[in-house]
């Protein structure tokens, strides 16, 4: 237990993985008419959207943030009792939201907001205590996630029409976190891998990803603006125009990171695939603004595509690095990446209508198989002590 609670990525990545394997078959079975819908959170869609955003993604965000903050600040990792309480609150919320007893809604809400509040408090303590101003943006996103979750619950209690807006806000906040972290790690990890690959070779060095510059700031600003336009339900024509510019800038941004050169290493190229879902999703949302495609196509490209793929990509790399293992993929892990990508493609395709039931079933199957592969490879890594062996690559 001491090893399991030594770093946040261990319990929280494991909880996110197990929940991913369980929750999607339950939702797919209910959507296809084989199982009853959980009704604790107002509507079936409300339960599904909330649990994927604040349940599955919420655990992954907590595992990443509390693991990374030790590197950002140079402080010891959050561990022991605080981590046990945090994980317990998350687990209690997931179980009680699923049970068909309306009387459990209040304790479930308390547990879920308790998880978000404790995560924010622990992160604030670590970041503010050393004056780590660079990561105040992460605190802002975590704080707004907590607020949007609370607003969602208030909407459930009052049967308000803006509950789905609160859920969309949660999705966009996680998208902004994905964009923020991706801008730091993808060019850096790609650059390091290319340098190692080309070390000692006599040919001319390949073009390397640029460091964060004005173009990255502009792209991020456009993404924030488009998210605000979406949440405020701004005029469709203006929103579509802004989205087209945003999508184009993000396509250029990911191209600048030279992912095409990293096809030999799945741990690297999966990061580029994850980010590539962002401009695709925004382009779909642009088309939705002018009535060409359903809005859910873009939402699922963000959630099943960008967010889920980035979670798996970052979790797999962080777990290897922080347990002293070489930063190398494995056939089972590569299969996980491929299956989760297939799941996202099928889920987006299912929103267009033809063969929707077949595509949804295929998506759920690929999703489950992908996370089973991930669990097969990573449950031992997440639960066993750190490996001490000479020559293992350091955590980046």
Protein backbone atom coordinates (compact mmCIF):
# COMPACT_ATOMS: atom_id res chain seq x y z
CA UNK A 1 0.00 0.00 0.00
CA UNK A 2 2.94 2.33 0.69
CA UNK A 3 4.15 1.88 -2.89
CA UNK A 4 0.64 2.27 -4.32
CA UNK A 5 0.15 5.61 -2.53
CA UNK A 6 3.65 6.92 -3.21
CA UNK A 7 2.62 8.90 -6.33
CA UNK A 8 -0.76 10.12 -7.55
CA UNK A 9 -0.42 8.47 -10.95
CA UNK A 10 -0.56 5.01 -9.36
CA UNK A 11 -4.08 4.97 -7.82
CA UNK A 12 -5.68 7.59 -10.05
CA UNK A 13 -4.48 6.23 -13.41
CA UNK A 14 -5.52 2.76 -12.26
CA UNK A 15 -8.99 4.00 -11.22
CA UNK A 16 -9.41 5.84 -14.53
CA UNK A 17 -8.40 2.71 -16.47
CA UNK A 18 -10.75 0.36 -14.62
CA UNK A 19 -13.60 2.87 -14.87
CA UNK A 20 -13.04 3.24 -18.61
CA UNK A 21 -13.41 -0.52 -19.04
CA UNK A 22 -16.62 -0.59 -16.97
CA UNK A 23 -18.49 2.62 -17.77
CA UNK A 24 -18.54 2.59 -21.58
CA UNK A 25 -20.08 -0.91 -21.91
CA UNK A 26 -22.72 0.13 -19.37
CA UNK A 27 -23.54 3.24 -21.37
CA UNK A 28 -23.49 1.46 -24.73
CA UNK A 29 -25.68 -1.34 -23.38
CA UNK A 30 -28.19 1.19 -22.05
CA UNK A 31 -28.14 3.25 -25.27
CA UNK A 32 -28.73 0.11 -27.34
CA UNK A 33 -31.66 -0.87 -25.07
CA UNK A 34 -30.15 -3.84 -23.25
CA UNK A 35 -29.63 -2.22 -19.84
CA UNK A 36 -31.54 0.36 -17.75
CA UNK A 37 -30.24 3.92 -17.82
CA UNK A 38 -28.68 5.31 -14.62
CA UNK A 39 -31.03 8.15 -13.67
CA UNK A 40 -29.18 9.70 -10.72
CA UNK A 41 -27.96 12.72 -12.69
CA UNK A 42 -31.21 13.81 -14.25
CA UNK A 43 -31.01 12.35 -17.75
CA UNK A 44 -29.09 9.41 -19.23
CA UNK A 45 -27.06 11.75 -21.42
CA UNK A 46 -26.32 13.92 -18.39
CA UNK A 47 -24.99 10.91 -16.48
CA UNK A 48 -22.88 9.75 -19.41
CA UNK A 49 -21.40 13.18 -20.16
CA UNK A 50 -20.72 13.92 -16.50
CA UNK A 51 -19.06 10.61 -15.76
CA UNK A 52 -16.84 10.73 -18.82
CA UNK A 53 -15.81 14.33 -18.09
CA UNK A 54 -15.58 14.54 -14.30
CA UNK A 55 -15.28 10.81 -13.61
CA UNK A 56 -12.96 9.18 -16.12
CA UNK A 57 -11.13 12.33 -17.27
CA UNK A 58 -11.27 13.82 -13.76
CA UNK A 59 -9.25 10.94 -12.29
CA UNK A 60 -6.70 11.12 -15.10
CA UNK A 61 -6.33 14.90 -14.68
CA UNK A 62 -5.76 14.45 -10.95
CA UNK A 63 -3.19 11.71 -11.50
CA UNK A 64 -1.29 13.78 -14.03
CA UNK A 65 -1.43 17.09 -12.17
CA UNK A 66 -0.31 15.77 -8.77
CA UNK A 67 2.46 13.74 -10.39
CA UNK A 68 3.74 16.55 -12.59
CA UNK A 69 3.64 19.19 -9.86
CA UNK A 70 6.45 17.44 -8.00
CA UNK A 71 8.65 17.92 -11.08
CA UNK A 72 7.44 21.50 -11.60
CA UNK A 73 8.16 22.56 -8.02
CA UNK A 74 10.96 20.26 -6.88
CA UNK A 75 8.86 19.27 -3.84
CA UNK A 76 8.16 15.71 -2.65
CA UNK A 77 5.18 14.12 -4.40
CA UNK A 78 1.75 14.19 -2.80
CA UNK A 79 1.38 10.76 -1.21
CA UNK A 80 -0.03 8.79 1.70
CA UNK A 81 -3.20 9.85 3.50
CA UNK A 82 -4.12 12.86 1.29
CA UNK A 83 -3.85 10.65 -1.79
CA UNK A 84 -5.89 7.89 -0.12
CA UNK A 85 -8.66 10.35 0.79
CA UNK A 86 -8.62 11.88 -2.70
CA UNK A 87 -8.93 8.49 -4.38
CA UNK A 88 -11.61 7.42 -1.92
CA UNK A 89 -13.74 10.48 -2.62
CA UNK A 90 -13.53 9.83 -6.36
CA UNK A 91 -14.50 6.16 -5.92
CA UNK A 92 -17.42 6.91 -3.59
CA UNK A 93 -18.81 9.43 -6.07
CA UNK A 94 -18.62 7.00 -8.99
CA UNK A 95 -20.37 4.19 -7.11
CA UNK A 96 -23.13 6.33 -5.63
CA UNK A 97 -23.88 8.10 -8.93
CA UNK A 98 -24.48 4.73 -10.54
CA UNK A 99 -26.72 3.20 -7.88
CA UNK A 100 -30.48 3.64 -8.53
CA UNK A 101 -31.25 5.36 -5.22
CA UNK A 102 -32.20 9.08 -5.40
CA UNK A 103 -31.39 9.47 -1.71
CA UNK A 104 -27.70 8.92 -2.55
CA UNK A 105 -27.49 11.99 -4.79
CA UNK A 106 -26.50 14.33 -1.94
CA UNK A 107 -23.59 12.21 -0.62
CA UNK A 108 -22.48 11.55 -4.21
CA UNK A 109 -22.38 15.28 -4.94
CA UNK A 110 -20.47 15.95 -1.72
CA UNK A 111 -17.91 13.26 -2.58
CA UNK A 112 -17.48 14.46 -6.16
CA UNK A 113 -17.06 18.12 -5.23
CA UNK A 114 -14.84 16.99 -2.37
CA UNK A 115 -12.56 15.28 -4.87
CA UNK A 116 -12.35 18.41 -7.05
CA UNK A 117 -11.91 20.69 -4.03
CA UNK A 118 -9.17 18.57 -2.44
CA UNK A 119 -7.36 18.24 -5.78
CA UNK A 120 -7.44 22.02 -6.19
CA UNK A 121 -6.27 22.56 -2.59
CA UNK A 122 -3.37 20.11 -2.89
CA UNK A 123 -2.26 21.59 -6.22
CA UNK A 124 -2.54 25.14 -4.87
CA UNK A 125 -0.41 24.25 -1.85
CA UNK A 126 2.31 22.77 -4.03
CA UNK A 127 2.36 25.50 -6.69
CA UNK A 128 1.86 28.59 -4.53
CA UNK A 129 4.26 27.52 -1.76
CA UNK A 130 7.20 27.85 -4.16
CA UNK A 131 5.81 30.76 -6.20
CA UNK A 132 5.57 28.61 -9.33
CA UNK A 133 3.71 31.30 -11.32
CA UNK A 134 4.10 29.49 -14.63
CA UNK A 135 1.57 26.91 -13.44
CA UNK A 136 -1.04 29.28 -12.06
CA UNK A 137 -2.83 28.60 -15.37
CA UNK A 138 -3.22 24.97 -14.33
CA UNK A 139 -4.70 26.09 -11.00
CA UNK A 140 -7.13 28.34 -12.83
CA UNK A 141 -8.33 25.47 -15.01
CA UNK A 142 -8.71 23.12 -12.02
CA UNK A 143 -10.62 25.78 -10.10
CA UNK A 144 -12.97 26.43 -13.02
CA UNK A 145 -13.51 22.67 -13.41
CA UNK A 146 -14.68 22.55 -9.81
CA UNK A 147 -17.00 25.51 -10.38
CA UNK A 148 -18.48 24.05 -13.57
CA UNK A 149 -19.13 20.75 -11.78
CA UNK A 150 -20.88 22.58 -8.94
CA UNK A 151 -23.00 24.54 -11.44
CA UNK A 152 -23.97 21.28 -13.13
CA UNK A 153 -25.19 19.85 -9.82
CA UNK A 154 -27.10 23.04 -9.08
CA UNK A 155 -28.75 22.71 -12.46
CA UNK A 156 -29.72 19.11 -11.71
CA UNK A 157 -31.32 20.14 -8.41
CA UNK A 158 -33.21 23.03 -10.02
CA UNK A 159 -34.01 21.16 -13.27
CA UNK A 160 -32.39 24.06 -15.12
CA UNK A 161 -31.77 24.24 -18.85
CA UNK A 162 -28.11 25.15 -18.50
CA UNK A 163 -26.85 21.86 -17.06
CA UNK A 164 -25.49 20.73 -20.44
CA UNK A 165 -23.69 24.07 -20.82
CA UNK A 166 -21.93 23.34 -17.52
CA UNK A 167 -20.89 19.93 -18.85
CA UNK A 168 -19.65 21.45 -22.11
CA UNK A 169 -17.68 23.93 -20.02
CA UNK A 170 -16.00 21.00 -18.27
CA UNK A 171 -15.10 19.45 -21.61
CA UNK A 172 -13.63 22.70 -22.91
CA UNK A 173 -11.61 23.26 -19.72
CA UNK A 174 -10.03 19.82 -20.11
CA UNK A 175 -9.39 20.61 -23.79
CA UNK A 176 -7.59 23.80 -22.75
CA UNK A 177 -5.53 21.77 -20.25
CA UNK A 178 -4.69 19.29 -23.02
CA UNK A 179 -3.62 22.19 -25.24
CA UNK A 180 -1.50 23.72 -22.47
CA UNK A 181 0.30 20.51 -21.53
CA UNK A 182 0.67 19.39 -25.15
CA UNK A 183 2.39 22.65 -26.02
CA UNK A 184 4.99 21.90 -23.38
CA UNK A 185 5.61 18.19 -23.83
CA UNK A 186 5.01 17.26 -27.47
CA UNK A 187 7.70 19.43 -29.08
CA UNK A 188 10.11 18.68 -26.22
CA UNK A 189 9.63 14.92 -26.26
CA UNK A 190 9.75 14.84 -30.07
CA UNK A 191 12.89 16.95 -30.16
CA UNK A 192 14.63 14.73 -27.60
CA UNK A 193 13.65 11.55 -29.42
CA UNK A 194 14.83 12.87 -32.80
CA UNK A 195 18.15 13.92 -31.32
CA UNK A 196 18.68 10.47 -29.78
CA UNK A 197 17.69 8.75 -33.00
CA UNK A 198 20.02 10.84 -35.13
CA UNK A 199 22.94 10.83 -32.67
CA UNK A 200 26.11 9.72 -34.38
CA UNK A 201 24.60 9.63 -37.86
CA UNK A 202 26.55 11.36 -40.60
CA UNK A 203 23.61 12.82 -42.54
CA UNK A 204 22.30 16.33 -42.10
CA UNK A 205 20.18 16.74 -38.93
CA UNK A 206 16.44 16.67 -39.44
CA UNK A 207 14.34 19.75 -38.80
CA UNK A 208 13.43 19.90 -35.11
CA UNK A 209 10.18 21.15 -33.52
CA UNK A 210 10.38 24.85 -32.61
CA UNK A 211 10.23 26.08 -29.04
CA UNK A 212 7.10 27.84 -27.80
CA UNK A 213 6.77 31.13 -29.68
CA UNK A 214 4.31 33.81 -30.79
CA UNK A 215 2.51 31.46 -33.16
CA UNK A 216 1.77 29.06 -30.27
CA UNK A 217 0.39 31.95 -28.20
CA UNK A 218 -1.85 33.06 -31.06
CA UNK A 219 -3.13 29.51 -31.62
CA UNK A 220 -3.89 29.13 -27.93
CA UNK A 221 -5.66 32.49 -27.85
CA UNK A 222 -7.81 31.47 -30.81
CA UNK A 223 -8.70 28.19 -29.10
CA UNK A 224 -9.75 30.00 -25.91
CA UNK A 225 -11.84 32.46 -27.93
CA UNK A 226 -13.56 29.67 -29.87
CA UNK A 227 -14.38 27.81 -26.64
CA UNK A 228 -15.96 30.99 -25.24
CA UNK A 229 -17.97 31.51 -28.44
CA UNK A 230 -19.23 27.93 -28.18
CA UNK A 231 -20.24 28.24 -24.55
CA UNK A 232 -21.96 31.59 -25.04
CA UNK A 233 -23.82 30.30 -28.11
CA UNK A 234 -22.47 33.20 -30.20
CA UNK A 235 -23.89 33.89 -33.70
CA UNK A 236 -23.26 30.84 -35.92
CA UNK A 237 -21.57 32.62 -38.83
CA UNK A 238 -19.03 34.43 -36.64
CA UNK A 239 -18.42 31.28 -34.59
CA UNK A 240 -17.85 29.22 -37.72
CA UNK A 241 -15.41 31.78 -39.12
CA UNK A 242 -13.45 31.92 -35.86
CA UNK A 243 -13.45 28.12 -35.70
CA UNK A 244 -12.11 27.80 -39.24
CA UNK A 245 -9.19 30.10 -38.40
CA UNK A 246 -8.59 28.26 -35.12
CA UNK A 247 -8.65 24.84 -36.78
CA UNK A 248 -6.21 25.98 -39.47
CA UNK A 249 -3.82 27.40 -36.89
CA UNK A 250 -3.89 24.18 -34.84
CA UNK A 251 -3.26 22.08 -37.96
CA UNK A 252 -0.20 24.24 -38.67
CA UNK A 253 0.88 24.02 -35.04
CA UNK A 254 0.86 20.24 -34.90
CA UNK A 255 2.63 20.08 -38.30
CA UNK A 256 5.43 22.28 -36.91
CA UNK A 257 6.07 19.67 -34.21
CA UNK A 258 7.44 17.24 -36.84
CA UNK A 259 5.31 14.28 -35.81
CA UNK A 260 5.73 12.79 -39.28
CA UNK A 261 9.33 11.98 -38.33
CA UNK A 262 8.36 10.03 -35.20
CA UNK A 263 6.55 7.11 -36.84
CA UNK A 264 9.10 4.67 -35.44
CA UNK A 265 8.21 5.30 -31.78
CA UNK A 266 4.58 4.89 -30.65
CA UNK A 267 5.21 6.73 -27.36
CA UNK A 268 5.94 9.83 -29.45
CA UNK A 269 3.57 9.59 -32.40
CA UNK A 270 0.55 8.91 -30.20
CA UNK A 271 0.99 12.38 -28.69
CA UNK A 272 0.74 13.91 -32.16
CA UNK A 273 -2.31 11.79 -32.99
CA UNK A 274 -3.98 12.98 -29.78
CA UNK A 275 -3.36 16.63 -30.57
CA UNK A 276 -4.42 16.21 -34.19
CA UNK A 277 -7.94 15.47 -32.94
CA UNK A 278 -8.22 19.08 -31.72
CA UNK A 279 -8.23 20.82 -35.12
CA UNK A 280 -10.39 18.01 -36.53
CA UNK A 281 -12.93 18.49 -33.74
CA UNK A 282 -13.03 22.25 -34.16
CA UNK A 283 -13.51 21.88 -37.90
CA UNK A 284 -16.48 19.58 -37.25
CA UNK A 285 -17.91 22.13 -34.80
CA UNK A 286 -17.56 24.79 -37.51
CA UNK A 287 -19.57 22.63 -39.89
CA UNK A 288 -22.12 22.09 -37.12
CA UNK A 289 -22.57 25.85 -36.76
CA UNK A 290 -23.80 26.06 -40.36
CA UNK A 291 -25.90 22.89 -40.14
CA UNK A 292 -23.69 20.54 -42.15
CA UNK A 293 -22.96 17.98 -39.39
CA UNK A 294 -24.38 17.27 -35.90
CA UNK A 295 -22.68 19.09 -33.04
CA UNK A 296 -22.09 15.80 -31.25
CA UNK A 297 -19.58 14.84 -33.94
CA UNK A 298 -17.29 17.65 -32.81
CA UNK A 299 -17.94 17.03 -29.11
CA UNK A 300 -17.00 13.36 -29.45
CA UNK A 301 -13.93 14.24 -31.50
CA UNK A 302 -12.86 16.36 -28.53
CA UNK A 303 -13.77 13.81 -25.84
CA UNK A 304 -13.26 10.36 -27.38
CA UNK A 305 -10.52 11.67 -29.66
CA UNK A 306 -8.32 14.40 -28.20
CA UNK A 307 -8.94 13.99 -24.47
CA UNK A 308 -8.96 10.19 -24.26
CA UNK A 309 -5.98 9.67 -26.57
CA UNK A 310 -3.95 12.30 -24.71
CA UNK A 311 -4.85 10.69 -21.37
CA UNK A 312 -3.57 7.31 -22.53
CA UNK A 313 -0.48 8.83 -24.16
CA UNK A 314 0.52 10.85 -21.10
CA UNK A 315 -0.40 8.15 -18.58
CA UNK A 316 1.66 5.50 -20.35
CA UNK A 317 4.71 7.76 -20.61
CA UNK A 318 4.46 9.13 -17.05
CA UNK A 319 4.08 5.65 -15.54
CA UNK A 320 7.18 4.39 -17.36
CA UNK A 321 9.29 7.39 -16.50
CA UNK A 322 8.34 7.65 -12.83
CA UNK A 323 8.89 3.94 -12.20
CA UNK A 324 12.39 3.90 -13.70
CA UNK A 325 11.49 1.96 -16.83
CA UNK A 326 12.82 2.74 -20.32
CA UNK A 327 10.66 5.11 -22.33
CA UNK A 328 9.86 2.51 -24.95
CA UNK A 329 6.55 1.22 -26.22
CA UNK A 330 5.38 -2.39 -26.16
CA UNK A 331 3.27 -4.30 -28.70
CA UNK A 332 0.35 -4.47 -26.25
CA UNK A 333 0.61 -0.75 -25.57
CA UNK A 334 0.80 0.05 -29.28
CA UNK A 335 -2.33 -2.08 -29.78
CA UNK A 336 -4.01 -0.01 -27.08
CA UNK A 337 -3.19 3.21 -28.95
CA UNK A 338 -4.54 1.77 -32.21
CA UNK A 339 -7.76 0.44 -30.64
CA UNK A 340 -8.54 3.70 -28.85
CA UNK A 341 -8.00 5.57 -32.12
CA UNK A 342 -10.39 3.20 -33.88
CA UNK A 343 -12.90 3.69 -31.06
CA UNK A 344 -12.77 7.46 -31.48
CA UNK A 345 -13.19 7.28 -35.26
CA UNK A 346 -16.18 4.94 -34.94
CA UNK A 347 -17.76 7.09 -32.22
CA UNK A 348 -17.52 10.23 -34.34
CA UNK A 349 -18.81 8.37 -37.40
CA UNK A 350 -21.78 7.07 -35.37
CA UNK A 351 -23.06 10.62 -34.90
CA UNK A 352 -23.83 10.95 -38.62
CA UNK A 353 -26.72 8.45 -38.57
CA UNK A 354 -26.13 5.55 -41.02
CA UNK A 355 -25.24 2.34 -39.19
CA UNK A 356 -25.12 4.27 -35.91
CA UNK A 357 -25.90 1.23 -33.74
CA UNK A 358 -23.21 -0.86 -35.41
CA UNK A 359 -20.65 1.93 -35.19
CA UNK A 360 -21.47 2.62 -31.54
CA UNK A 361 -21.08 -1.07 -30.71
CA UNK A 362 -17.78 -1.16 -32.63
CA UNK A 363 -16.59 1.95 -30.80
CA UNK A 364 -17.45 0.55 -27.38
CA UNK A 365 -15.77 -2.76 -28.23
CA UNK A 366 -12.59 -1.11 -29.49
CA UNK A 367 -12.57 1.24 -26.49
CA UNK A 368 -12.83 -1.64 -24.00
CA UNK A 369 -10.22 -3.73 -25.78
CA UNK A 370 -7.92 -0.72 -25.91
CA UNK A 371 -8.17 -0.09 -22.18
CA UNK A 372 -7.90 -3.82 -21.41
CA UNK A 373 -4.61 -3.81 -23.35
CA UNK A 374 -3.54 -0.73 -21.42
CA UNK A 375 -4.47 -2.38 -18.10
CA UNK A 376 -2.69 -5.62 -19.06
CA UNK A 377 0.50 -3.70 -19.62
CA UNK A 378 0.21 -1.09 -16.87
CA UNK A 379 -1.49 -2.64 -13.81
CA UNK A 380 1.82 -4.32 -12.84
CA UNK A 381 3.70 -1.07 -13.48
CA UNK A 382 1.26 1.01 -11.44
CA UNK A 383 1.22 -1.37 -8.48
CA UNK A 384 4.85 -2.52 -8.26
CA UNK A 385 7.86 -0.66 -6.83
CA UNK A 386 10.07 1.55 -8.93
CA UNK A 387 12.66 -0.33 -10.98
CA UNK A 388 16.26 0.53 -10.18
CA UNK A 389 18.41 -0.48 -13.08
CA UNK A 390 21.30 1.14 -14.84
CA UNK A 391 20.62 2.58 -18.25
CA UNK A 392 16.92 3.32 -17.83
CA UNK A 393 15.87 6.60 -19.31
CA UNK A 394 15.00 9.47 -16.96
CA UNK A 395 11.58 11.03 -16.69
CA UNK A 396 11.29 14.01 -19.04
